[in-house]
Amino acid sequence: MSGCLIVRSGGEALALAVADVEEVLELGPPLPAPATARGVRGVVPVRGRLVPLAHLGALLRRRAAPDEAGTVGVAVRAAGRRLVLEVDEAVDLVPRPPEALPAGWGTAWATQGIRHGGRLVPVVDLDAVAARLLAGGEDG
């Protein structure tokens, strides 16, 4: 299925390509793990494996995750790796393909958008997000 999962993170609507989403899950407290990227909380167990957990909004904005951890996660595949993105909520599933963002709207992590609720919501480039995590979060 093509389309996007609309989520809210840090008060902002964002979209994740359905092709990259494995599941939406309820998060327990994360386990500590060494991390250098801002927004990384640690690791969480998913189907018997420990997977890195990062707050999506904080990661995109290059800031620390909020003090209070959320309870909703989205397990995704990015750059061949599994990652759980903490979000405020999963809002909706939009079953149509994204479109290119208008000139001047693009970012290092979004070049496409999807219409939802009368607005154009940026689609997160998960490979760019994974590259930022692997680089330590400051250069990507």
C-alpha atoms as a PDB file:
ATOM      1  CA  MET A   1       0.000   0.000   0.000  1.00  0.00           C
ATOM      2  CA  SER A   2       1.264   3.451  -0.801  1.00  0.00           C
ATOM      3  CA  GLY A   3       0.416   6.363   1.401  1.00  0.00           C
ATOM      4  CA  CYS A   4       1.489   7.871   4.677  1.00  0.00           C
ATOM      5  CA  LEU A   5       0.877   7.569   8.378  1.00  0.00           C
ATOM      6  CA  ILE A   6       0.233  11.012   9.852  1.00  0.00           C
ATOM      7  CA  VAL A   7       1.711  11.463  13.338  1.00  0.00           C
ATOM      8  CA  ARG A   8       2.034  14.372  15.728  1.00  0.00           C
ATOM      9  CA  SER A   9       5.377  15.014  17.421  1.00  0.00           C
ATOM     10  CA  GLY A  10       6.288  18.084  19.421  1.00  0.00           C
ATOM     11  CA  GLY A  11       2.955  19.615  18.422  1.00  0.00           C
ATOM     12  CA  GLU A  12       3.775  19.292  14.712  1.00  0.00           C
ATOM     13  CA  ALA A  13       2.041  17.121  12.106  1.00  0.00           C
ATOM     14  CA  LEU A  14       4.494  14.900  10.229  1.00  0.00           C
ATOM     15  CA  ALA A  15       4.056  12.006   7.810  1.00  0.00           C
ATOM     16  CA  LEU A  16       5.861   8.674   7.545  1.00  0.00           C
ATOM     17  CA  ALA A  17       5.729   6.599   4.350  1.00  0.00           C
ATOM     18  CA  VAL A  18       3.642   3.482   4.990  1.00  0.00           C
ATOM     19  CA  ALA A  19       6.244   1.396   3.140  1.00  0.00           C
ATOM     20  CA  ASP A  20       8.744   2.210   5.930  1.00  0.00           C
ATOM     21  CA  VAL A  21       6.371   1.643   8.879  1.00  0.00           C
ATOM     22  CA  GLU A  22       6.417  -1.753  10.577  1.00  0.00           C
ATOM     23  CA  GLU A  23       3.978  -1.083  13.408  1.00  0.00           C
ATOM     24  CA  VAL A  24       2.604   1.425  15.878  1.00  0.00           C
ATOM     25  CA  LEU A  25       3.215   0.325  19.445  1.00  0.00           C
ATOM     26  CA  GLU A  26       2.739   1.289  23.057  1.00  0.00           C
ATOM     27  CA  LEU A  27       6.062   2.221  24.631  1.00  0.00           C
ATOM     28  CA  GLY A  28       7.290   1.227  28.048  1.00  0.00           C
ATOM     29  CA  PRO A  29      10.145   3.010  29.767  1.00  0.00           C
ATOM     30  CA  PRO A  30      13.292   2.982  27.606  1.00  0.00           C
ATOM     31  CA  LEU A  31      16.462   1.275  28.727  1.00  0.00           C
ATOM     32  CA  PRO A  32      19.552   3.489  28.860  1.00  0.00           C
ATOM     33  CA  ALA A  33      22.088   3.157  26.065  1.00  0.00           C
ATOM     34  CA  PRO A  34      25.018   5.292  25.006  1.00  0.00           C
ATOM     35  CA  ALA A  35      23.966   7.808  22.379  1.00  0.00           C
ATOM     36  CA  THR A  36      25.436  10.924  20.890  1.00  0.00           C
ATOM     37  CA  ALA A  37      22.509  12.085  18.753  1.00  0.00           C
ATOM     38  CA  ARG A  38      20.133  14.561  20.323  1.00  0.00           C
ATOM     39  CA  GLY A  39      16.663  13.176  20.779  1.00  0.00           C
ATOM     40  CA  VAL A  40      17.769   9.585  21.420  1.00  0.00           C
ATOM     41  CA  ARG A  41      16.235   8.177  24.605  1.00  0.00           C
ATOM     42  CA  GLY A  42      17.859   4.731  24.681  1.00  0.00           C
ATOM     43  CA  VAL A  43      16.550   1.370  23.506  1.00  0.00           C
ATOM     44  CA  VAL A  44      13.216  -0.444  23.781  1.00  0.00           C
ATOM     45  CA  PRO A  45      12.367  -4.105  23.274  1.00  0.00           C
ATOM     46  CA  VAL A  46      10.463  -4.847  20.054  1.00  0.00           C
ATOM     47  CA  ARG A  47       9.675  -8.460  19.195  1.00  0.00           C
ATOM     48  CA  GLY A  48      12.555  -9.773  21.284  1.00  0.00           C
ATOM     49  CA  ARG A  49      15.208  -7.295  20.109  1.00  0.00           C
ATOM     50  CA  LEU A  50      16.483  -4.042  21.577  1.00  0.00           C
ATOM     51  CA  VAL A  51      15.869  -1.205  19.129  1.00  0.00           C
ATOM     52  CA  PRO A  52      17.044   2.429  19.362  1.00  0.00           C
ATOM     53  CA  LEU A  53      14.329   4.858  20.471  1.00  0.00           C
ATOM     54  CA  ALA A  54      14.433   8.488  19.351  1.00  0.00           C
ATOM     55  CA  HIS A  55      11.920  11.289  19.854  1.00  0.00           C
ATOM     56  CA  LEU A  56      10.976  12.202  16.282  1.00  0.00           C
ATOM     57  CA  GLY A  57      10.396  15.937  16.763  1.00  0.00           C
ATOM     58  CA  ALA A  58      13.552  16.415  18.823  1.00  0.00           C
ATOM     59  CA  LEU A  59      15.638  14.453  16.343  1.00  0.00           C
ATOM     60  CA  LEU A  60      14.429  16.517  13.387  1.00  0.00           C
ATOM     61  CA  ARG A  61      14.912  19.823  15.213  1.00  0.00           C
ATOM     62  CA  ARG A  62      18.297  18.795  16.691  1.00  0.00           C
ATOM     63  CA  ARG A  63      17.303  19.302  20.287  1.00  0.00           C
ATOM     64  CA  ALA A  64      17.020  17.154  23.383  1.00  0.00           C
ATOM     65  CA  ALA A  65      13.950  14.991  23.845  1.00  0.00           C
ATOM     66  CA  PRO A  66      11.298  16.343  26.225  1.00  0.00           C
ATOM     67  CA  ASP A  67      11.810  15.388  29.873  1.00  0.00           C
ATOM     68  CA  GLU A  68       8.722  13.209  29.973  1.00  0.00           C
ATOM     69  CA  ALA A  69       8.821  10.174  27.691  1.00  0.00           C
ATOM     70  CA  GLY A  70       5.797   9.453  25.536  1.00  0.00           C
ATOM     71  CA  THR A  71       3.880   6.208  25.241  1.00  0.00           C
ATOM     72  CA  VAL A  72       3.397   5.926  21.470  1.00  0.00           C
ATOM     73  CA  GLY A  73       6.118   4.614  19.175  1.00  0.00           C
ATOM     74  CA  VAL A  74       6.326   3.863  15.485  1.00  0.00           C
ATOM     75  CA  ALA A  75       8.693   1.056  14.517  1.00  0.00           C
ATOM     76  CA  VAL A  76      10.218   1.860  11.120  1.00  0.00           C
ATOM     77  CA  ARG A  77      12.918   0.634   8.756  1.00  0.00           C
ATOM     78  CA  ALA A  78      15.409   3.317   7.794  1.00  0.00           C
ATOM     79  CA  ALA A  79      18.639   2.770   5.876  1.00  0.00           C
ATOM     80  CA  GLY A  80      18.235  -0.970   6.422  1.00  0.00           C
ATOM     81  CA  ARG A  81      17.956  -0.614  10.198  1.00  0.00           C
ATOM     82  CA  ARG A  82      15.066  -0.841  12.613  1.00  0.00           C
ATOM     83  CA  LEU A  83      14.314   2.254  14.686  1.00  0.00           C
ATOM     84  CA  VAL A  84      11.460   3.263  16.980  1.00  0.00           C
ATOM     85  CA  LEU A  85      10.300   6.866  16.738  1.00  0.00           C
ATOM     86  CA  GLU A  86       8.535   8.292  19.767  1.00  0.00           C
ATOM     87  CA  VAL A  87       5.563  10.432  18.745  1.00  0.00           C
ATOM     88  CA  ASP A  88       2.752  12.181  20.612  1.00  0.00           C
ATOM     89  CA  GLU A  89       0.118  10.264  18.660  1.00  0.00           C
ATOM     90  CA  ALA A  90      -0.624   8.411  15.452  1.00  0.00           C
ATOM     91  CA  VAL A  91      -3.336  10.500  13.825  1.00  0.00           C
ATOM     92  CA  ASP A  92      -4.459   9.065  10.495  1.00  0.00           C
ATOM     93  CA  LEU A  93      -3.593   6.900   7.520  1.00  0.00           C
ATOM     94  CA  VAL A  94      -3.691   8.679   4.150  1.00  0.00           C
ATOM     95  CA  PRO A  95      -3.860   6.119   1.299  1.00  0.00           C
ATOM     96  CA  ARG A  96      -2.430   8.197  -1.536  1.00  0.00           C
ATOM     97  CA  PRO A  97       1.098   8.941  -2.682  1.00  0.00           C
ATOM     98  CA  PRO A  98       2.934  12.066  -1.503  1.00  0.00           C
ATOM     99  CA  GLU A  99       3.784  14.979  -3.790  1.00  0.00           C
ATOM    100  CA  ALA A 100       6.877  17.145  -4.122  1.00  0.00           C
ATOM    101  CA  LEU A 101       7.024  20.008  -1.640  1.00  0.00           C
ATOM    102  CA  PRO A 102       6.768  23.482  -3.195  1.00  0.00           C
ATOM    103  CA  ALA A 103       9.994  25.400  -3.749  1.00  0.00           C
ATOM    104  CA  GLY A 104      11.341  26.757  -0.477  1.00  0.00           C
ATOM    105  CA  TRP A 105       9.473  24.215   1.691  1.00  0.00           C
ATOM    106  CA  GLY A 106      12.048  21.421   1.581  1.00  0.00           C
ATOM    107  CA  THR A 107      14.367  20.571   4.441  1.00  0.00           C
ATOM    108  CA  ALA A 108      17.289  18.206   4.946  1.00  0.00           C
ATOM    109  CA  TRP A 109      14.724  15.632   6.105  1.00  0.00           C
ATOM    110  CA  ALA A 110      11.710  16.271   3.833  1.00  0.00           C
ATOM    111  CA  THR A 111      11.311  16.844   0.106  1.00  0.00           C
ATOM    112  CA  GLN A 112       7.769  15.498  -0.211  1.00  0.00           C
ATOM    113  CA  GLY A 113       4.452  16.253   1.441  1.00  0.00           C
ATOM    114  CA  ILE A 114       0.968  14.816   1.649  1.00  0.00           C
ATOM    115  CA  ARG A 115      -2.332  16.664   1.895  1.00  0.00           C
ATOM    116  CA  HIS A 116      -4.178  16.090   5.153  1.00  0.00           C
ATOM    117  CA  GLY A 117      -6.880  18.218   6.742  1.00  0.00           C
ATOM    118  CA  GLY A 118      -6.431  20.958   4.145  1.00  0.00           C
ATOM    119  CA  ARG A 119      -2.692  21.254   4.848  1.00  0.00           C
ATOM    120  CA  LEU A 120       0.465  19.954   3.246  1.00  0.00           C
ATOM    121  CA  VAL A 121       2.238  17.753   5.822  1.00  0.00           C
ATOM    122  CA  PRO A 122       5.962  17.038   5.294  1.00  0.00           C
ATOM    123  CA  VAL A 123       6.913  13.387   4.744  1.00  0.00           C
ATOM    124  CA  VAL A 124       9.976  12.510   6.824  1.00  0.00           C
ATOM    125  CA  ASP A 125      12.868  11.064   4.815  1.00  0.00           C
ATOM    126  CA  LEU A 126      13.718   8.244   7.199  1.00  0.00           C
ATOM    127  CA  ASP A 127      17.010   7.451   5.456  1.00  0.00           C
ATOM    128  CA  ALA A 128      18.159  11.042   6.159  1.00  0.00           C
ATOM    129  CA  VAL A 129      17.054  10.665   9.784  1.00  0.00           C
ATOM    130  CA  ALA A 130      18.948   7.370  10.125  1.00  0.00           C
ATOM    131  CA  ALA A 131      22.050   8.937   8.579  1.00  0.00           C
ATOM    132  CA  ARG A 132      21.867  11.729  11.166  1.00  0.00           C
ATOM    133  CA  LEU A 133      21.628   9.187  13.982  1.00  0.00           C
ATOM    134  CA  LEU A 134      24.549   7.167  12.671  1.00  0.00           C
ATOM    135  CA  ALA A 135      26.645  10.321  12.291  1.00  0.00           C
ATOM    136  CA  GLY A 136      26.040  11.274  15.910  1.00  0.00           C
ATOM    137  CA  GLY A 137      23.177  13.627  15.176  1.00  0.00           C
ATOM    138  CA  GLU A 138      25.011  16.857  14.590  1.00  0.00           C
ATOM    139  CA  ASP A 139      26.118  16.755  10.971  1.00  0.00           C
ATOM    140  CA  GLY A 140      23.170  15.271   9.083  1.00  0.00           C
END
